[in-house]
Amino acid sequence: MSLDTRITEAERQAAIDRLSSSRDRLFQSIAGLSDAQCIFAPEPGRWCILELVEHLANSDPGLLARIDRALQEPAKPELMEEVRQKDSRFQGEFKPLPRGVNKAPEDLKPRGLYPALSAAAAAFDEGRTRTLAFARETNDELRSHFAPHSLLGPMDCYQWLMACAIHVESHTRQIEELKSDPAFPA
């Protein structure tokens, strides 16, 4: 059985839609927050909203760079069939991993790079704009190039593109959890 190595137009549109909708949900979730709300953390070690958005601002370009590095490596068509069996994980409603299972690498942990939520959000939007442009324009063989995920094993570049959106969805859920905490500032 021969599998296509380029994404289909339906896959491209699914990536564009999910990248756009996850960005929009994030912005809806952080709209109108005060400085006190942005730095609220209910317990030590838990990221506040500003830290979550900083993490997203740094990780979107990092995930796109991971895709680019994978595309520079030789194609591995022998992995395609096995890896595509995981496509359902990247479609439909997100099924989150338990909190703390998939830890951020050191270089993507918040370091206080942005003085305010607006700056972190602008940096995220700039990165997401580049990710969306890539999704719209790429003709690369995304389905035959792979990069490892620490928990999910090898993922093809299309799955990594979808993971950019899923990652934002996951952290937007964390923002909503913070906002619903009884101690969240009014």
Protein backbone atom coordinates (compact mmCIF):
# COMPACT_ATOMS: atom_id res chain seq x y z
CA MET A 1 0.00 0.00 0.00
CA SER A 2 1.43 3.37 -1.02
CA LEU A 3 0.74 6.30 1.29
CA ASP A 4 0.89 9.94 0.22
CA THR A 5 3.81 11.81 1.69
CA ARG A 6 2.27 15.27 1.32
CA ILE A 7 -0.73 16.41 3.30
CA THR A 8 -4.09 16.43 1.60
CA GLU A 9 -6.09 19.64 1.22
CA ALA A 10 -8.46 18.32 3.91
CA GLU A 11 -5.51 17.80 6.28
CA ARG A 12 -4.17 21.26 5.46
CA GLN A 13 -7.56 22.83 6.19
CA ALA A 14 -7.91 20.84 9.42
CA ALA A 15 -4.52 22.15 10.58
CA ILE A 16 -5.34 25.75 9.62
CA ASP A 17 -8.74 25.56 11.33
CA ARG A 18 -7.35 24.07 14.52
CA LEU A 19 -4.37 26.43 14.68
CA SER A 20 -6.75 29.38 14.22
CA SER A 21 -9.40 28.19 16.66
CA SER A 22 -6.87 27.36 19.39
CA ARG A 23 -5.36 30.85 19.01
CA ASP A 24 -8.82 32.42 19.20
CA ARG A 25 -9.77 30.39 22.29
CA LEU A 26 -6.57 31.41 24.03
CA PHE A 27 -7.21 35.09 23.32
CA GLN A 28 -10.82 34.79 24.52
CA SER A 29 -9.59 33.12 27.69
CA ILE A 30 -7.12 35.89 28.55
CA ALA A 31 -9.19 38.89 27.45
CA GLY A 32 -9.69 41.55 30.10
CA LEU A 33 -7.55 39.97 32.82
CA SER A 34 -6.01 42.24 35.44
CA ASP A 35 -2.34 42.19 36.41
CA ALA A 36 -3.25 40.42 39.67
CA GLN A 37 -5.20 37.76 37.79
CA CYS A 38 -2.29 37.21 35.37
CA ILE A 39 0.14 36.38 38.17
CA PHE A 40 -2.22 34.32 40.33
CA ALA A 41 -0.92 30.84 41.14
CA PRO A 42 -2.96 28.74 43.60
CA GLU A 43 0.07 26.77 44.80
CA PRO A 44 3.85 26.88 44.54
CA GLY A 45 5.21 25.38 41.36
CA ARG A 46 2.02 25.89 39.37
CA TRP A 47 2.32 28.32 36.48
CA CYS A 48 0.28 31.50 36.48
CA ILE A 49 -1.52 32.74 33.36
CA LEU A 50 1.36 35.03 32.37
CA GLU A 51 3.78 32.09 32.62
CA LEU A 52 1.47 29.84 30.59
CA VAL A 53 1.23 32.41 27.80
CA GLU A 54 5.02 32.97 27.89
CA HIS A 55 5.47 29.22 27.52
CA LEU A 56 3.13 29.20 24.52
CA ALA A 57 4.92 32.20 22.98
CA ASN A 58 8.18 30.26 23.16
CA SER A 59 6.88 26.83 22.25
CA ASP A 60 5.03 27.56 19.00
CA PRO A 61 8.27 28.62 17.23
CA GLY A 62 10.03 25.69 18.92
CA LEU A 63 7.52 23.19 17.55
CA LEU A 64 7.78 24.71 14.08
CA ALA A 65 11.59 24.47 14.33
CA ARG A 66 11.21 20.79 15.29
CA ILE A 67 9.19 20.26 12.10
CA ASP A 68 11.85 22.06 10.06
CA ARG A 69 14.65 19.94 11.56
CA ALA A 70 12.69 16.75 10.83
CA LEU A 71 12.20 17.85 7.23
CA GLN A 72 15.98 18.23 6.88
CA GLU A 73 16.45 14.58 7.84
CA PRO A 74 15.97 11.78 5.30
CA ALA A 75 12.39 10.62 4.80
CA LYS A 76 11.43 7.38 6.56
CA PRO A 77 8.52 5.99 4.56
CA GLU A 78 8.80 2.70 6.47
CA LEU A 79 7.35 4.46 9.55
CA MET A 80 4.38 6.02 7.77
CA GLU A 81 1.79 3.29 8.21
CA GLU A 82 2.60 2.72 11.88
CA VAL A 83 2.61 6.42 12.75
CA ARG A 84 -0.60 7.20 10.85
CA GLN A 85 -2.41 4.77 13.13
CA LYS A 86 -2.02 7.52 15.76
CA ASP A 87 -3.79 10.14 13.61
CA SER A 88 -6.99 9.83 15.65
CA ARG A 89 -5.13 11.39 18.61
CA PHE A 90 -4.79 14.58 16.55
CA GLN A 91 -8.40 14.76 15.34
CA GLY A 92 -11.58 15.75 17.12
CA GLU A 93 -11.78 16.73 20.76
CA PHE A 94 -8.47 16.88 22.57
CA LYS A 95 -7.85 14.13 25.10
CA PRO A 96 -5.46 15.72 27.61
CA LEU A 97 -2.58 13.90 29.20
CA PRO A 98 -2.71 13.94 33.01
CA ARG A 99 -1.18 17.08 34.55
CA GLY A 100 2.56 16.75 35.01
CA VAL A 101 3.00 13.73 32.73
CA ASN A 102 4.39 15.70 29.77
CA LYS A 103 6.83 18.16 31.34
CA ALA A 104 8.14 21.16 29.44
CA PRO A 105 11.80 21.06 28.46
CA GLU A 106 14.02 23.51 30.35
CA ASP A 107 14.32 25.91 27.40
CA LEU A 108 10.52 26.28 27.21
CA LYS A 109 9.88 26.87 30.90
CA PRO A 110 8.82 30.43 31.78
CA ARG A 111 11.68 32.75 32.74
CA GLY A 112 9.87 36.07 33.10
CA LEU A 113 10.67 37.23 29.58
CA TYR A 114 7.55 39.37 29.27
CA PRO A 115 6.67 42.17 31.70
CA ALA A 116 2.95 41.93 30.94
CA LEU A 117 0.40 39.55 29.50
CA SER A 118 -0.06 41.78 26.46
CA ALA A 119 3.61 41.36 25.50
CA ALA A 120 3.49 37.58 25.93
CA ALA A 121 0.25 37.40 23.92
CA ALA A 122 1.76 39.51 21.13
CA ALA A 123 4.81 37.23 21.00
CA PHE A 124 2.54 34.18 20.87
CA ASP A 125 0.49 35.73 18.07
CA GLU A 126 3.63 36.47 16.07
CA GLY A 127 4.73 32.84 16.35
CA ARG A 128 1.26 31.51 15.56
CA THR A 129 1.11 33.74 12.48
CA ARG A 130 4.30 32.05 11.21
CA THR A 131 2.90 28.60 12.03
CA LEU A 132 -0.31 29.37 10.14
CA ALA A 133 1.67 30.66 7.15
CA PHE A 134 3.63 27.41 7.11
CA ALA A 135 0.41 25.37 7.26
CA ARG A 136 -1.09 27.36 4.38
CA GLU A 137 1.98 27.29 2.13
CA THR A 138 3.95 24.10 2.74
CA ASN A 139 4.35 21.55 0.01
CA ASP A 140 6.85 19.54 2.02
CA GLU A 141 6.41 15.82 2.51
CA LEU A 142 5.12 16.18 6.07
CA ARG A 143 3.83 12.63 6.27
CA SER A 144 7.21 10.92 5.62
CA HIS A 145 9.41 12.91 8.02
CA PHE A 146 9.40 12.22 11.73
CA ALA A 147 10.51 13.56 15.08
CA PRO A 148 10.22 11.72 18.39
CA HIS A 149 7.79 12.75 21.14
CA SER A 150 8.86 11.83 24.66
CA LEU A 151 5.59 10.01 25.40
CA LEU A 152 3.95 9.29 22.04
CA GLY A 153 6.99 8.04 20.15
CA PRO A 154 7.62 9.04 16.55
CA MET A 155 5.22 11.59 15.09
CA ASP A 156 5.19 12.76 11.50
CA CYS A 157 5.49 16.47 10.72
CA TYR A 158 1.76 16.82 10.08
CA GLN A 159 1.05 15.40 13.52
CA TRP A 160 3.56 17.87 14.99
CA LEU A 161 1.75 20.69 13.19
CA MET A 162 -1.52 19.56 14.77
CA ALA A 163 0.29 19.27 18.10
CA CYS A 164 1.00 23.03 17.91
CA ALA A 165 -2.76 23.60 18.14
CA ILE A 166 -3.40 20.87 20.71
CA HIS A 167 -0.68 22.29 22.94
CA VAL A 168 -2.45 25.66 23.04
CA GLU A 169 -5.79 23.96 23.70
CA SER A 170 -4.26 22.14 26.66
CA HIS A 171 -2.85 25.28 28.25
CA THR A 172 -6.04 27.22 27.56
CA ARG A 173 -7.83 24.59 29.64
CA GLN A 174 -5.30 25.22 32.41
CA ILE A 175 -6.01 28.96 32.19
CA GLU A 176 -9.73 28.27 32.55
CA GLU A 177 -8.99 26.05 35.57
CA LEU A 178 -7.02 28.90 37.17
CA LYS A 179 -9.85 31.34 36.49
CA SER A 180 -12.34 29.01 38.18
CA ASP A 181 -10.21 28.60 41.31
CA PRO A 182 -12.07 29.99 44.37
CA ALA A 183 -9.02 32.10 45.28
CA PHE A 184 -8.72 33.67 41.79
CA PRO A 185 -8.61 37.48 42.23
CA ALA A 186 -11.82 39.32 41.41
